[in-house]
Amino acid sequence: MQIKKGIVLNKVCGETFLVPMGEENIDFSKLIGLNESSLLLWKRMEQGAFEADDLVKVLLDEYEIDETTARNDVEEFLNQFRSEELLMES
């Protein structure tokens, strides 16, 4: 998987958002606010191609949670990205 091109990380009033840029991403209903853990996942996603397991590892390395919780959180996060069409899946 990869994130769709044209999605930019932006801070507004201390909050972090993903902002779609460019004509193909002009739908501002796709603004996504990021909390601390989703920002960690986003930073890994920005590095290039990834799999869900890569993101699970990010959460396991950062937080004291079990693998099932991390996997459920990652799937929920990725499903939000899928529903907003912000992922390119191979």
Protein backbone atom coordinates (compact mmCIF):
# COMPACT_ATOMS: atom_id res chain seq x y z
CA MET A 1 0.00 0.00 0.00
CA GLN A 2 0.91 3.62 -0.41
CA ILE A 3 -0.75 6.88 0.45
CA LYS A 4 -2.31 8.76 -2.44
CA LYS A 5 -0.17 11.58 -3.80
CA GLY A 6 -1.27 15.09 -2.94
CA ILE A 7 -2.12 14.52 0.72
CA VAL A 8 -0.26 16.99 2.93
CA LEU A 9 0.22 17.06 6.69
CA ASN A 10 -0.72 20.44 8.13
CA LYS A 11 -1.00 21.93 11.63
CA VAL A 12 -3.83 24.34 12.38
CA CYS A 13 -4.31 25.84 15.85
CA GLY A 14 -2.26 23.06 17.43
CA GLU A 15 -4.23 20.30 15.69
CA THR A 16 -2.76 18.07 12.98
CA PHE A 17 -4.75 17.43 9.80
CA LEU A 18 -4.26 15.70 6.49
CA VAL A 19 -5.18 18.11 3.72
CA PRO A 20 -5.87 16.97 0.14
CA MET A 21 -4.07 19.20 -2.39
CA GLY A 22 -4.40 19.52 -6.15
CA GLU A 23 -7.38 19.32 -8.48
CA GLU A 24 -7.93 15.59 -8.05
CA ASN A 25 -8.12 16.05 -4.27
CA ILE A 26 -10.25 19.19 -4.10
CA ASP A 27 -12.95 17.57 -1.92
CA PHE A 28 -12.38 19.21 1.48
CA SER A 29 -14.77 16.79 3.15
CA LYS A 30 -11.76 14.47 3.21
CA LEU A 31 -9.89 16.47 5.87
CA ILE A 32 -8.74 14.01 8.50
CA GLY A 33 -7.66 15.02 11.98
CA LEU A 34 -4.80 13.00 13.42
CA ASN A 35 -4.22 12.14 17.04
CA GLU A 36 -0.81 11.15 18.43
CA SER A 37 -0.97 7.50 17.39
CA SER A 38 -2.40 8.15 13.93
CA LEU A 39 0.34 10.75 13.37
CA LEU A 40 2.91 8.03 14.14
CA LEU A 41 1.25 5.76 11.59
CA TRP A 42 1.13 8.57 9.01
CA LYS A 43 4.84 9.28 9.43
CA ARG A 44 5.58 5.61 8.69
CA MET A 45 3.24 5.69 5.69
CA GLU A 46 5.08 8.74 4.30
CA GLN A 47 8.30 6.71 4.15
CA GLY A 48 6.98 4.63 1.25
CA ALA A 49 5.20 1.37 0.58
CA PHE A 50 3.86 -0.37 3.66
CA GLU A 51 1.70 -3.25 4.81
CA ALA A 52 -0.67 -3.36 7.76
CA ASP A 53 1.95 -5.39 9.67
CA ASP A 54 4.41 -2.48 9.37
CA LEU A 55 1.90 -0.17 11.03
CA VAL A 56 1.09 -2.71 13.73
CA LYS A 57 4.81 -2.82 14.56
CA VAL A 58 4.87 0.99 14.89
CA LEU A 59 2.13 0.85 17.52
CA LEU A 60 3.68 -2.10 19.35
CA ASP A 61 7.06 -0.34 19.48
CA GLU A 62 5.53 2.89 20.82
CA TYR A 63 2.77 1.75 23.17
CA GLU A 64 2.31 -0.97 25.77
CA ILE A 65 -0.56 -2.71 24.00
CA ASP A 66 -1.15 -6.24 22.80
CA GLU A 67 -0.93 -7.23 19.15
CA THR A 68 -4.69 -7.76 18.78
CA THR A 69 -5.42 -4.22 19.94
CA ALA A 70 -2.72 -2.79 17.68
CA ARG A 71 -4.01 -4.77 14.68
CA ASN A 72 -7.61 -3.67 15.31
CA ASP A 73 -6.52 -0.03 15.61
CA VAL A 74 -4.51 -0.24 12.38
CA GLU A 75 -7.41 -1.85 10.48
CA GLU A 76 -9.78 0.86 11.70
CA PHE A 77 -7.27 3.52 10.67
CA LEU A 78 -6.72 1.97 7.23
CA ASN A 79 -10.46 1.50 6.68
CA GLN A 80 -10.95 5.23 7.25
CA PHE A 81 -8.28 5.92 4.63
CA ARG A 82 -9.89 3.44 2.24
CA SER A 83 -13.33 5.00 2.66
CA GLU A 84 -11.88 8.43 1.87
CA GLU A 85 -9.95 6.95 -1.09
CA LEU A 86 -6.59 8.10 0.29
CA LEU A 87 -4.76 4.80 -0.27
CA MET A 88 -3.32 3.19 -3.35
CA GLU A 89 -3.35 -0.55 -2.80
CA SER A 90 -1.20 -2.92 -4.84
